[in-house]
Amino acid sequence: GVEFYHYKTIMCSRCEFFDNMFSAGMRESKDNRIEFPDKNP
């Protein structure tokens, strides 16, 4: 429920999970928003 504002380039360059997410046409890449509702901020 806490919003953080970050940089795709940093996330994608350091983590294949995020690179795949943003390059695969997933909802997250279109909305520029990722949600982890059950995780700890």
PDB file of all heavy atoms in Angstrom:
ATOM      1  N   GLY A   1       0.779  -1.232   0.000  1.00  0.00           N
ATOM      2  CA  GLY A   1       0.000   0.000   0.000  1.00  0.00           C
ATOM      3  C   GLY A   1       0.811   1.283   0.000  1.00  0.00           C
ATOM      4  O   GLY A   1       0.255   2.372  -0.071  1.00  0.00           O
ATOM      5  N   VAL A   2       2.133   1.188   0.066  1.00  0.00           N
ATOM      6  CA  VAL A   2       3.009   2.361   0.063  1.00  0.00           C
ATOM      7  C   VAL A   2       3.590   2.526  -1.336  1.00  0.00           C
ATOM      8  O   VAL A   2       4.115   1.573  -1.912  1.00  0.00           O
ATOM      9  CB  VAL A   2       4.149   2.208   1.098  1.00  0.00           C
ATOM     10  CG1 VAL A   2       5.080   3.410   1.059  1.00  0.00           C
ATOM     11  CG2 VAL A   2       3.573   2.009   2.495  1.00  0.00           C
ATOM     12  N   GLU A   3       3.497   3.747  -1.885  1.00  0.00           N
ATOM     13  CA  GLU A   3       4.011   4.018  -3.225  1.00  0.00           C
ATOM     14  C   GLU A   3       5.459   4.495  -3.177  1.00  0.00           C
ATOM     15  O   GLU A   3       5.806   5.355  -2.375  1.00  0.00           O
ATOM     16  CB  GLU A   3       3.161   5.075  -3.931  1.00  0.00           C
ATOM     17  CG  GLU A   3       1.808   4.572  -4.326  1.00  0.00           C
ATOM     18  CD  GLU A   3       1.053   5.549  -5.222  1.00  0.00           C
ATOM     19  OE1 GLU A   3       1.512   6.698  -5.414  1.00  0.00           O
ATOM     20  OE2 GLU A   3      -0.009   5.151  -5.717  1.00  0.00           O
ATOM     21  N   PHE A   4       6.270   3.925  -4.073  1.00  0.00           N
ATOM     22  CA  PHE A   4       7.656   4.330  -4.254  1.00  0.00           C
ATOM     23  C   PHE A   4       7.835   4.708  -5.723  1.00  0.00           C
ATOM     24  O   PHE A   4       7.230   4.098  -6.599  1.00  0.00           O
ATOM     25  CB  PHE A   4       8.608   3.176  -3.918  1.00  0.00           C
ATOM     26  CG  PHE A   4       8.510   2.715  -2.489  1.00  0.00           C
ATOM     27  CD1 PHE A   4       7.682   1.658  -2.152  1.00  0.00           C
ATOM     28  CD2 PHE A   4       9.244   3.336  -1.503  1.00  0.00           C
ATOM     29  CE1 PHE A   4       7.579   1.225  -0.832  1.00  0.00           C
ATOM     30  CE2 PHE A   4       9.152   2.910  -0.182  1.00  0.00           C
ATOM     31  CZ  PHE A   4       8.323   1.852   0.154  1.00  0.00           C
ATOM     32  N   TYR A   5       8.660   5.694  -5.975  1.00  0.00           N
ATOM     33  CA  TYR A   5       8.898   6.162  -7.334  1.00  0.00           C
ATOM     34  C   TYR A   5      10.346   5.877  -7.689  1.00  0.00           C
ATOM     35  O   TYR A   5      11.260   6.362  -7.028  1.00  0.00           O
ATOM     36  CB  TYR A   5       8.554   7.649  -7.443  1.00  0.00           C
ATOM     37  CG  TYR A   5       7.154   7.901  -6.964  1.00  0.00           C
ATOM     38  CD1 TYR A   5       6.910   8.355  -5.670  1.00  0.00           C
ATOM     39  CD2 TYR A   5       6.067   7.621  -7.785  1.00  0.00           C
ATOM     40  CE1 TYR A   5       5.621   8.547  -5.217  1.00  0.00           C
ATOM     41  CE2 TYR A   5       4.767   7.806  -7.338  1.00  0.00           C
ATOM     42  CZ  TYR A   5       4.550   8.261  -6.050  1.00  0.00           C
ATOM     43  OH  TYR A   5       3.265   8.442  -5.601  1.00  0.00           O
ATOM     44  N   HIS A   6      10.526   5.042  -8.734  1.00  0.00           N
ATOM     45  CA  HIS A   6      11.857   4.560  -9.086  1.00  0.00           C
ATOM     46  C   HIS A   6      12.127   4.708 -10.575  1.00  0.00           C
ATOM     47  O   HIS A   6      11.339   5.283 -11.316  1.00  0.00           O
ATOM     48  CB  HIS A   6      12.000   3.097  -8.679  1.00  0.00           C
ATOM     49  CG  HIS A   6      11.914   2.864  -7.211  1.00  0.00           C
ATOM     50  ND1 HIS A   6      12.662   3.544  -6.278  1.00  0.00           N
ATOM     51  CD2 HIS A   6      11.155   1.988  -6.491  1.00  0.00           C
ATOM     52  CE1 HIS A   6      12.380   3.113  -5.065  1.00  0.00           C
ATOM     53  NE2 HIS A   6      11.465   2.175  -5.167  1.00  0.00           N
ATOM     54  N   TYR A   7      13.270   4.134 -10.975  1.00  0.00           N
ATOM     55  CA  TYR A   7      13.756   4.236 -12.342  1.00  0.00           C
ATOM     56  C   TYR A   7      13.813   2.845 -12.973  1.00  0.00           C
ATOM     57  O   TYR A   7      14.497   1.956 -12.474  1.00  0.00           O
ATOM     58  CB  TYR A   7      15.148   4.867 -12.360  1.00  0.00           C
ATOM     59  CG  TYR A   7      15.180   6.207 -11.679  1.00  0.00           C
ATOM     60  CD1 TYR A   7      15.505   6.315 -10.336  1.00  0.00           C
ATOM     61  CD2 TYR A   7      14.854   7.362 -12.376  1.00  0.00           C
ATOM     62  CE1 TYR A   7      15.519   7.546  -9.695  1.00  0.00           C
ATOM     63  CE2 TYR A   7      14.861   8.599 -11.748  1.00  0.00           C
ATOM     64  CZ  TYR A   7      15.196   8.688 -10.402  1.00  0.00           C
ATOM     65  OH  TYR A   7      15.199   9.901  -9.787  1.00  0.00           O
ATOM     66  N   LYS A   8      13.101   2.690 -14.090  1.00  0.00           N
ATOM     67  CA  LYS A   8      13.114   1.403 -14.801  1.00  0.00           C
ATOM     68  C   LYS A   8      14.531   0.976 -15.180  1.00  0.00           C
ATOM     69  O   LYS A   8      14.868  -0.196 -15.088  1.00  0.00           O
ATOM     70  CB  LYS A   8      12.295   1.492 -16.094  1.00  0.00           C
ATOM     71  CG  LYS A   8      10.836   1.425 -15.929  1.00  0.00           C
ATOM     72  CD  LYS A   8      10.237   1.365 -17.330  1.00  0.00           C
ATOM     73  CE  LYS A   8       8.803   1.745 -17.348  1.00  0.00           C
ATOM     74  NZ  LYS A   8       8.257   1.720 -18.699  1.00  0.00           N
ATOM     75  N   THR A   9      15.319   1.913 -15.629  1.00  0.00           N
ATOM     76  CA  THR A   9      16.667   1.590 -16.097  1.00  0.00           C
ATOM     77  C   THR A   9      17.481   0.926 -14.997  1.00  0.00           C
ATOM     78  O   THR A   9      18.169  -0.065 -15.241  1.00  0.00           O
ATOM     79  CB  THR A   9      17.394   2.855 -16.592  1.00  0.00           C
ATOM     80  OG1 THR A   9      16.615   3.440 -17.625  1.00  0.00           O
ATOM     81  CG2 THR A   9      18.776   2.539 -17.096  1.00  0.00           C
ATOM     82  N   ILE A  10      17.394   1.456 -13.801  1.00  0.00           N
ATOM     83  CA  ILE A  10      18.125   0.866 -12.687  1.00  0.00           C
ATOM     84  C   ILE A  10      17.596  -0.533 -12.405  1.00  0.00           C
ATOM     85  O   ILE A  10      18.356  -1.492 -12.273  1.00  0.00           O
ATOM     86  CB  ILE A  10      18.024   1.746 -11.429  1.00  0.00           C
ATOM     87  CG1 ILE A  10      18.832   3.030 -11.628  1.00  0.00           C
ATOM     88  CG2 ILE A  10      18.498   0.984 -10.188  1.00  0.00           C
ATOM     89  CD1 ILE A  10      18.670   4.042 -10.528  1.00  0.00           C
ATOM     90  N   MET A  11      16.285  -0.653 -12.345  1.00  0.00           N
ATOM     91  CA  MET A  11      15.679  -1.937 -12.015  1.00  0.00           C
ATOM     92  C   MET A  11      16.001  -2.987 -13.075  1.00  0.00           C
ATOM     93  O   MET A  11      16.345  -4.119 -12.750  1.00  0.00           O
ATOM     94  CB  MET A  11      14.173  -1.770 -11.837  1.00  0.00           C
ATOM     95  CG  MET A  11      13.825  -0.875 -10.645  1.00  0.00           C
ATOM     96  SD  MET A  11      12.070  -0.466 -10.539  1.00  0.00           S
ATOM     97  CE  MET A  11      11.388  -2.058 -10.107  1.00  0.00           C
ATOM     98  N   CYS A  12      15.904  -2.610 -14.341  1.00  0.00           N
ATOM     99  CA  CYS A  12      16.128  -3.560 -15.432  1.00  0.00           C
ATOM    100  C   CYS A  12      17.594  -3.932 -15.591  1.00  0.00           C
ATOM    101  O   CYS A  12      17.915  -5.070 -15.928  1.00  0.00           O
ATOM    102  CB  CYS A  12      15.603  -2.994 -16.743  1.00  0.00           C
ATOM    103  SG  CYS A  12      13.807  -2.865 -16.788  1.00  0.00           S
ATOM    104  N   SER A  13      18.479  -2.986 -15.349  1.00  0.00           N
ATOM    105  CA  SER A  13      19.906  -3.274 -15.527  1.00  0.00           C
ATOM    106  C   SER A  13      20.450  -4.188 -14.441  1.00  0.00           C
ATOM    107  O   SER A  13      21.443  -4.876 -14.656  1.00  0.00           O
ATOM    108  CB  SER A  13      20.712  -1.981 -15.578  1.00  0.00           C
ATOM    109  OG  SER A  13      20.698  -1.342 -14.328  1.00  0.00           O
ATOM    110  N   ARG A  14      19.791  -4.229 -13.320  1.00  0.00           N
ATOM    111  CA  ARG A  14      20.290  -5.026 -12.202  1.00  0.00           C
ATOM    112  C   ARG A  14      19.502  -6.301 -11.928  1.00  0.00           C
ATOM    113  O   ARG A  14      19.927  -7.125 -11.128  1.00  0.00           O
ATOM    114  CB  ARG A  14      20.291  -4.172 -10.933  1.00  0.00           C
ATOM    115  CG  ARG A  14      21.160  -2.936 -10.989  1.00  0.00           C
ATOM    116  CD  ARG A  14      22.584  -3.265 -10.862  1.00  0.00           C
ATOM    117  NE  ARG A  14      22.743  -3.983  -9.601  1.00  0.00           N
ATOM    118  CZ  ARG A  14      23.867  -4.329  -9.077  1.00  0.00           C
ATOM    119  NH1 ARG A  14      24.977  -4.057  -9.696  1.00  0.00           N
ATOM    120  NH2 ARG A  14      23.927  -4.986  -7.949  1.00  0.00           N
ATOM    121  N   CYS A  15      18.335  -6.460 -12.596  1.00  0.00           N
ATOM    122  CA  CYS A  15      17.498  -7.609 -12.268  1.00  0.00           C
ATOM    123  C   CYS A  15      16.747  -8.107 -13.505  1.00  0.00           C
ATOM    124  O   CYS A  15      15.929  -7.379 -14.077  1.00  0.00           O
ATOM    125  CB  CYS A  15      16.509  -7.219 -11.170  1.00  0.00           C
ATOM    126  SG  CYS A  15      15.422  -8.541 -10.666  1.00  0.00           S
ATOM    127  N   GLU A  16      17.030  -9.327 -13.896  1.00  0.00           N
ATOM    128  CA  GLU A  16      16.405  -9.909 -15.079  1.00  0.00           C
ATOM    129  C   GLU A  16      14.888  -9.999 -14.937  1.00  0.00           C
ATOM    130  O   GLU A  16      14.151  -9.846 -15.907  1.00  0.00           O
ATOM    131  CB  GLU A  16      16.982 -11.298 -15.340  1.00  0.00           C
ATOM    132  CG  GLU A  16      16.533 -11.899 -16.637  1.00  0.00           C
ATOM    133  CD  GLU A  16      17.223 -13.213 -16.942  1.00  0.00           C
ATOM    134  OE1 GLU A  16      18.183 -13.581 -16.243  1.00  0.00           O
ATOM    135  OE2 GLU A  16      16.785 -13.873 -17.890  1.00  0.00           O
ATOM    136  N   PHE A  17      14.396 -10.207 -13.724  1.00  0.00           N
ATOM    137  CA  PHE A  17      12.956 -10.262 -13.467  1.00  0.00           C
ATOM    138  C   PHE A  17      12.268  -8.983 -13.948  1.00  0.00           C
ATOM    139  O   PHE A  17      11.282  -9.023 -14.672  1.00  0.00           O
ATOM    140  CB  PHE A  17      12.701 -10.485 -11.970  1.00  0.00           C
ATOM    141  CG  PHE A  17      11.260 -10.379 -11.568  1.00  0.00           C
ATOM    142  CD1 PHE A  17      10.391 -11.444 -11.761  1.00  0.00           C
ATOM    143  CD2 PHE A  17      10.774  -9.222 -10.979  1.00  0.00           C
ATOM    144  CE1 PHE A  17       9.052 -11.355 -11.378  1.00  0.00           C
ATOM    145  CE2 PHE A  17       9.444  -9.124 -10.591  1.00  0.00           C
ATOM    146  CZ  PHE A  17       8.584 -10.192 -10.799  1.00  0.00           C
ATOM    147  N   PHE A  18      12.817  -7.841 -13.564  1.00  0.00           N
ATOM    148  CA  PHE A  18      12.217  -6.567 -13.960  1.00  0.00           C
ATOM    149  C   PHE A  18      12.441  -6.286 -15.442  1.00  0.00           C
ATOM    150  O   PHE A  18      11.566  -5.740 -16.113  1.00  0.00           O
ATOM    151  CB  PHE A  18      12.739  -5.418 -13.096  1.00  0.00           C
ATOM    152  CG  PHE A  18      12.283  -5.506 -11.676  1.00  0.00           C
ATOM    153  CD1 PHE A  18      13.190  -5.694 -10.649  1.00  0.00           C
ATOM    154  CD2 PHE A  18      10.933  -5.434 -11.354  1.00  0.00           C
ATOM    155  CE1 PHE A  18      12.772  -5.795  -9.332  1.00  0.00           C
ATOM    156  CE2 PHE A  18      10.505  -5.539 -10.050  1.00  0.00           C
ATOM    157  CZ  PHE A  18      11.421  -5.717  -9.027  1.00  0.00           C
ATOM    158  N   ASP A  19      13.595  -6.654 -15.964  1.00  0.00           N
ATOM    159  CA  ASP A  19      13.859  -6.465 -17.393  1.00  0.00           C
ATOM    160  C   ASP A  19      12.842  -7.246 -18.221  1.00  0.00           C
ATOM    161  O   ASP A  19      12.273  -6.717 -19.186  1.00  0.00           O
ATOM    162  CB  ASP A  19      15.279  -6.894 -17.731  1.00  0.00           C
ATOM    163  CG  ASP A  19      15.667  -6.533 -19.152  1.00  0.00           C
ATOM    164  OD1 ASP A  19      15.235  -5.468 -19.641  1.00  0.00           O
ATOM    165  OD2 ASP A  19      16.394  -7.320 -19.772  1.00  0.00           O
ATOM    166  N   ASN A  20      12.583  -8.490 -17.842  1.00  0.00           N
ATOM    167  CA  ASN A  20      11.579  -9.291 -18.543  1.00  0.00           C
ATOM    168  C   ASN A  20      10.189  -8.686 -18.404  1.00  0.00           C
ATOM    169  O   ASN A  20       9.421  -8.633 -19.370  1.00  0.00           O
ATOM    170  CB  ASN A  20      11.580 -10.731 -18.029  1.00  0.00           C
ATOM    171  CG  ASN A  20      12.801 -11.501 -18.460  1.00  0.00           C
ATOM    172  OD1 ASN A  20      13.403 -11.218 -19.485  1.00  0.00           O
ATOM    173  ND2 ASN A  20      13.184 -12.478 -17.658  1.00  0.00           N
ATOM    174  N   MET A  21       9.870  -8.221 -17.224  1.00  0.00           N
ATOM    175  CA  MET A  21       8.555  -7.643 -16.971  1.00  0.00           C
ATOM    176  C   MET A  21       8.307  -6.425 -17.869  1.00  0.00           C
ATOM    177  O   MET A  21       7.243  -6.280 -18.468  1.00  0.00           O
ATOM    178  CB  MET A  21       8.447  -7.223 -15.504  1.00  0.00           C
ATOM    179  CG  MET A  21       7.134  -6.557 -15.140  1.00  0.00           C
ATOM    180  SD  MET A  21       7.118  -5.979 -13.432  1.00  0.00           S
ATOM    181  CE  MET A  21       7.045  -7.543 -12.557  1.00  0.00           C
ATOM    182  N   PHE A  22       9.300  -5.559 -17.975  1.00  0.00           N
ATOM    183  CA  PHE A  22       9.122  -4.322 -18.735  1.00  0.00           C
ATOM    184  C   PHE A  22       9.299  -4.507 -20.239  1.00  0.00           C
ATOM    185  O   PHE A  22       8.925  -3.636 -21.009  1.00  0.00           O
ATOM    186  CB  PHE A  22      10.057  -3.234 -18.226  1.00  0.00           C
ATOM    187  CG  PHE A  22       9.658  -2.697 -16.877  1.00  0.00           C
ATOM    188  CD1 PHE A  22      10.537  -2.718 -15.824  1.00  0.00           C
ATOM    189  CD2 PHE A  22       8.394  -2.174 -16.660  1.00  0.00           C
ATOM    190  CE1 PHE A  22      10.180  -2.227 -14.580  1.00  0.00           C
ATOM    191  CE2 PHE A  22       8.023  -1.687 -15.422  1.00  0.00           C
ATOM    192  CZ  PHE A  22       8.921  -1.709 -14.378  1.00  0.00           C
ATOM    193  N   SER A  23       9.847  -5.625 -20.674  1.00  0.00           N
ATOM    194  CA  SER A  23      10.058  -5.825 -22.108  1.00  0.00           C
ATOM    195  C   SER A  23       9.056  -6.779 -22.732  1.00  0.00           C
ATOM    196  O   SER A  23       9.028  -6.920 -23.949  1.00  0.00           O
ATOM    197  CB  SER A  23      11.480  -6.328 -22.360  1.00  0.00           C
ATOM    198  OG  SER A  23      11.654  -7.604 -21.785  1.00  0.00           O
ATOM    199  N   ALA A  24       8.233  -7.409 -21.940  1.00  0.00           N
ATOM    200  CA  ALA A  24       7.345  -8.456 -22.451  1.00  0.00           C
ATOM    201  C   ALA A  24       5.930  -7.970 -22.753  1.00  0.00           C
ATOM    202  O   ALA A  24       5.060  -8.783 -23.021  1.00  0.00           O
ATOM    203  CB  ALA A  24       7.286  -9.611 -21.444  1.00  0.00           C
ATOM    204  N   GLY A  25       5.697  -6.677 -22.712  1.00  0.00           N
ATOM    205  CA  GLY A  25       4.359  -6.167 -22.989  1.00  0.00           C
ATOM    206  C   GLY A  25       3.364  -6.468 -21.886  1.00  0.00           C
ATOM    207  O   GLY A  25       2.160  -6.438 -22.113  1.00  0.00           O
ATOM    208  N   MET A  26       3.873  -6.761 -20.702  1.00  0.00           N
ATOM    209  CA  MET A  26       2.990  -7.026 -19.575  1.00  0.00           C
ATOM    210  C   MET A  26       2.310  -5.734 -19.123  1.00  0.00           C
ATOM    211  O   MET A  26       2.749  -4.634 -19.465  1.00  0.00           O
ATOM    212  CB  MET A  26       3.791  -7.636 -18.417  1.00  0.00           C
ATOM    213  CG  MET A  26       4.386  -8.997 -18.748  1.00  0.00           C
ATOM    214  SD  MET A  26       5.400  -9.679 -17.420  1.00  0.00           S
ATOM    215  CE  MET A  26       4.159  -9.989 -16.174  1.00  0.00           C
ATOM    216  N   ARG A  27       1.258  -5.884 -18.362  1.00  0.00           N
ATOM    217  CA  ARG A  27       0.507  -4.732 -17.862  1.00  0.00           C
ATOM    218  C   ARG A  27       1.428  -3.724 -17.167  1.00  0.00           C
ATOM    219  O   ARG A  27       1.286  -2.512 -17.329  1.00  0.00           O
ATOM    220  CB  ARG A  27      -0.581  -5.197 -16.884  1.00  0.00           C
ATOM    221  CG  ARG A  27      -1.436  -4.047 -16.365  1.00  0.00           C
ATOM    222  CD  ARG A  27      -2.333  -4.463 -15.218  1.00  0.00           C
ATOM    223  NE  ARG A  27      -1.449  -4.623 -14.058  1.00  0.00           N
ATOM    224  CZ  ARG A  27      -1.624  -5.502 -13.102  1.00  0.00           C
ATOM    225  NH1 ARG A  27      -2.621  -6.334 -13.127  1.00  0.00           N
ATOM    226  NH2 ARG A  27      -0.786  -5.584 -12.104  1.00  0.00           N
ATOM    227  N   GLU A  28       2.387  -4.230 -16.413  1.00  0.00           N
ATOM    228  CA  GLU A  28       3.297  -3.349 -15.674  1.00  0.00           C
ATOM    229  C   GLU A  28       4.081  -2.433 -16.605  1.00  0.00           C
ATOM    230  O   GLU A  28       4.321  -1.273 -16.275  1.00  0.00           O
ATOM    231  CB  GLU A  28       4.258  -4.183 -14.814  1.00  0.00           C
ATOM    232  CG  GLU A  28       3.604  -4.867 -13.649  1.00  0.00           C
ATOM    233  CD  GLU A  28       2.948  -6.209 -13.971  1.00  0.00           C
ATOM    234  OE1 GLU A  28       2.944  -6.618 -15.159  1.00  0.00           O
ATOM    235  OE2 GLU A  28       2.434  -6.847 -13.042  1.00  0.00           O
ATOM    236  N   SER A  29       4.465  -2.938 -17.769  1.00  0.00           N
ATOM    237  CA  SER A  29       5.232  -2.105 -18.697  1.00  0.00           C
ATOM    238  C   SER A  29       4.358  -1.031 -19.330  1.00  0.00           C
ATOM    239  O   SER A  29       4.830   0.058 -19.639  1.00  0.00           O
ATOM    240  CB  SER A  29       5.898  -2.957 -19.771  1.00  0.00           C
ATOM    241  OG  SER A  29       4.948  -3.501 -20.648  1.00  0.00           O
ATOM    242  N   LYS A  30       3.098  -1.327 -19.507  1.00  0.00           N
ATOM    243  CA  LYS A  30       2.176  -0.342 -20.094  1.00  0.00           C
ATOM    244  C   LYS A  30       1.749   0.713 -19.082  1.00  0.00           C
ATOM    245  O   LYS A  30       1.619   1.880 -19.412  1.00  0.00           O
ATOM    246  CB  LYS A  30       0.948  -1.051 -20.658  1.00  0.00           C
ATOM    247  CG  LYS A  30       1.281  -1.966 -21.821  1.00  0.00           C
ATOM    248  CD  LYS A  30       0.075  -2.745 -22.272  1.00  0.00           C
ATOM    249  CE  LYS A  30       0.493  -3.733 -23.351  1.00  0.00           C
ATOM    250  NZ  LYS A  30      -0.547  -4.700 -23.643  1.00  0.00           N
ATOM    251  N   ASP A  31       1.551   0.274 -17.825  1.00  0.00           N
ATOM    252  CA  ASP A  31       1.080   1.180 -16.771  1.00  0.00           C
ATOM    253  C   ASP A  31       2.215   1.871 -16.025  1.00  0.00           C
ATOM    254  O   ASP A  31       1.968   2.810 -15.268  1.00  0.00           O
ATOM    255  CB  ASP A  31       0.241   0.406 -15.747  1.00  0.00           C
ATOM    256  CG  ASP A  31      -1.027  -0.167 -16.341  1.00  0.00           C
ATOM    257  OD1 ASP A  31      -1.438   0.267 -17.446  1.00  0.00           O
ATOM    258  OD2 ASP A  31      -1.623  -1.058 -15.701  1.00  0.00           O
ATOM    259  N   ASN A  32       3.450   1.378 -16.209  1.00  0.00           N
ATOM    260  CA  ASN A  32       4.591   1.876 -15.438  1.00  0.00           C
ATOM    261  C   ASN A  32       4.312   1.796 -13.944  1.00  0.00           C
ATOM    262  O   ASN A  32       4.612   2.705 -13.176  1.00  0.00           O
ATOM    263  CB  ASN A  32       4.969   3.298 -15.847  1.00  0.00           C
ATOM    264  CG  ASN A  32       5.510   3.350 -17.235  1.00  0.00           C
ATOM    265  OD1 ASN A  32       6.249   2.473 -17.651  1.00  0.00           O
ATOM    266  ND2 ASN A  32       5.118   4.362 -17.990  1.00  0.00           N
ATOM    267  N   ARG A  33       3.718   0.681 -13.556  1.00  0.00           N
ATOM    268  CA  ARG A  33       3.319   0.479 -12.166  1.00  0.00           C
ATOM    269  C   ARG A  33       3.428  -1.010 -11.831  1.00  0.00           C
ATOM    270  O   ARG A  33       2.938  -1.857 -12.568  1.00  0.00           O
ATOM    271  CB  ARG A  33       1.884   0.956 -11.984  1.00  0.00           C
ATOM    272  CG  ARG A  33       1.361   0.886 -10.577  1.00  0.00           C
ATOM    273  CD  ARG A  33      -0.082   1.436 -10.549  1.00  0.00           C
ATOM    274  NE  ARG A  33      -0.640   1.414  -9.236  1.00  0.00           N
ATOM    275  CZ  ARG A  33      -0.555   2.410  -8.363  1.00  0.00           C
ATOM    276  NH1 ARG A  33       0.075   3.518  -8.703  1.00  0.00           N
ATOM    277  NH2 ARG A  33      -1.107   2.313  -7.179  1.00  0.00           N
ATOM    278  N   ILE A  34       4.071  -1.295 -10.709  1.00  0.00           N
ATOM    279  CA  ILE A  34       4.206  -2.655 -10.211  1.00  0.00           C
ATOM    280  C   ILE A  34       3.582  -2.684  -8.828  1.00  0.00           C
ATOM    281  O   ILE A  34       3.787  -1.768  -8.030  1.00  0.00           O
ATOM    282  CB  ILE A  34       5.690  -3.071 -10.092  1.00  0.00           C
ATOM    283  CG1 ILE A  34       6.396  -2.936 -11.433  1.00  0.00           C
ATOM    284  CG2 ILE A  34       5.812  -4.486  -9.552  1.00  0.00           C
ATOM    285  CD1 ILE A  34       7.897  -3.083 -11.331  1.00  0.00           C
ATOM    286  N   GLU A  35       2.833  -3.739  -8.540  1.00  0.00           N
ATOM    287  CA  GLU A  35       2.205  -3.842  -7.226  1.00  0.00           C
ATOM    288  C   GLU A  35       2.586  -5.148  -6.545  1.00  0.00           C
ATOM    289  O   GLU A  35       2.502  -6.217  -7.140  1.00  0.00           O
ATOM    290  CB  GLU A  35       0.692  -3.722  -7.358  1.00  0.00           C
ATOM    291  CG  GLU A  35       0.289  -2.369  -7.911  1.00  0.00           C
ATOM    292  CD  GLU A  35      -1.202  -2.099  -7.822  1.00  0.00           C
ATOM    293  OE1 GLU A  35      -1.851  -2.605  -6.877  1.00  0.00           O
ATOM    294  OE2 GLU A  35      -1.704  -1.381  -8.696  1.00  0.00           O
ATOM    295  N   PHE A  36       3.017  -5.022  -5.307  1.00  0.00           N
ATOM    296  CA  PHE A  36       3.284  -6.146  -4.419  1.00  0.00           C
ATOM    297  C   PHE A  36       2.443  -5.915  -3.166  1.00  0.00           C
ATOM    298  O   PHE A  36       2.948  -5.448  -2.140  1.00  0.00           O
ATOM    299  CB  PHE A  36       4.770  -6.231  -4.058  1.00  0.00           C
ATOM    300  CG  PHE A  36       5.698  -6.421  -5.225  1.00  0.00           C
ATOM    301  CD1 PHE A  36       6.535  -5.402  -5.644  1.00  0.00           C
ATOM    302  CD2 PHE A  36       5.745  -7.637  -5.899  1.00  0.00           C
ATOM    303  CE1 PHE A  36       7.410  -5.576  -6.704  1.00  0.00           C
ATOM    304  CE2 PHE A  36       6.617  -7.828  -6.967  1.00  0.00           C
ATOM    305  CZ  PHE A  36       7.453  -6.797  -7.372  1.00  0.00           C
ATOM    306  N   PRO A  37       1.138  -6.196  -3.228  1.00  0.00           N
ATOM    307  CA  PRO A  37       0.234  -5.819  -2.139  1.00  0.00           C
ATOM    308  C   PRO A  37       0.505  -6.513  -0.808  1.00  0.00           C
ATOM    309  O   PRO A  37       0.219  -5.935   0.249  1.00  0.00           O
ATOM    310  CB  PRO A  37      -1.149  -6.190  -2.669  1.00  0.00           C
ATOM    311  CG  PRO A  37      -0.912  -7.170  -3.762  1.00  0.00           C
ATOM    312  CD  PRO A  37       0.449  -6.864  -4.323  1.00  0.00           C
ATOM    313  N   ASP A  38       1.064  -7.702  -0.841  1.00  0.00           N
ATOM    314  CA  ASP A  38       1.258  -8.456   0.393  1.00  0.00           C
ATOM    315  C   ASP A  38       2.693  -8.421   0.913  1.00  0.00           C
ATOM    316  O   ASP A  38       3.047  -9.214   1.780  1.00  0.00           O
ATOM    317  CB  ASP A  38       0.838  -9.919   0.174  1.00  0.00           C
ATOM    318  CG  ASP A  38      -0.632 -10.030  -0.218  1.00  0.00           C
ATOM    319  OD1 ASP A  38      -1.435  -9.201   0.234  1.00  0.00           O
ATOM    320  OD2 ASP A  38      -0.960 -10.948  -0.995  1.00  0.00           O
ATOM    321  N   LYS A  39       3.494  -7.520   0.390  1.00  0.00           N
ATOM    322  CA  LYS A  39       4.901  -7.452   0.802  1.00  0.00           C
ATOM    323  C   LYS A  39       5.131  -6.284   1.756  1.00  0.00           C
ATOM    324  O   LYS A  39       4.344  -5.353   1.844  1.00  0.00           O
ATOM    325  CB  LYS A  39       5.821  -7.342  -0.415  1.00  0.00           C
ATOM    326  CG  LYS A  39       5.713  -8.517  -1.369  1.00  0.00           C
ATOM    327  CD  LYS A  39       6.078  -9.811  -0.682  1.00  0.00           C
ATOM    328  CE  LYS A  39       5.954 -10.989  -1.634  1.00  0.00           C
ATOM    329  NZ  LYS A  39       6.176 -12.259  -0.972  1.00  0.00           N
ATOM    330  N   ASN A  40       6.278  -6.312   2.422  1.00  0.00           N
ATOM    331  CA  ASN A  40       6.645  -5.314   3.417  1.00  0.00           C
ATOM    332  C   ASN A  40       7.390  -4.147   2.758  1.00  0.00           C
ATOM    333  O   ASN A  40       8.431  -4.362   2.132  1.00  0.00           O
ATOM    334  CB  ASN A  40       7.530  -5.987   4.466  1.00  0.00           C
ATOM    335  CG  ASN A  40       7.938  -5.068   5.583  1.00  0.00           C
ATOM    336  OD1 ASN A  40       8.148  -3.888   5.410  1.00  0.00           O
ATOM    337  ND2 ASN A  40       8.067  -5.638   6.767  1.00  0.00           N
ATOM    338  N   PRO A  41       6.895  -2.919   2.923  1.00  0.00           N
ATOM    339  CA  PRO A  41       7.562  -1.756   2.315  1.00  0.00           C
ATOM    340  C   PRO A  41       9.015  -1.584   2.762  1.00  0.00           C
ATOM    341  O   PRO A  41       9.860  -1.188   1.966  1.00  0.00           O
ATOM    342  CB  PRO A  41       6.704  -0.569   2.769  1.00  0.00           C
ATOM    343  CG  PRO A  41       5.370  -1.165   3.075  1.00  0.00           C
ATOM    344  CD  PRO A  41       5.645  -2.543   3.580  1.00  0.00           C
TER     345      PRO A  41
END
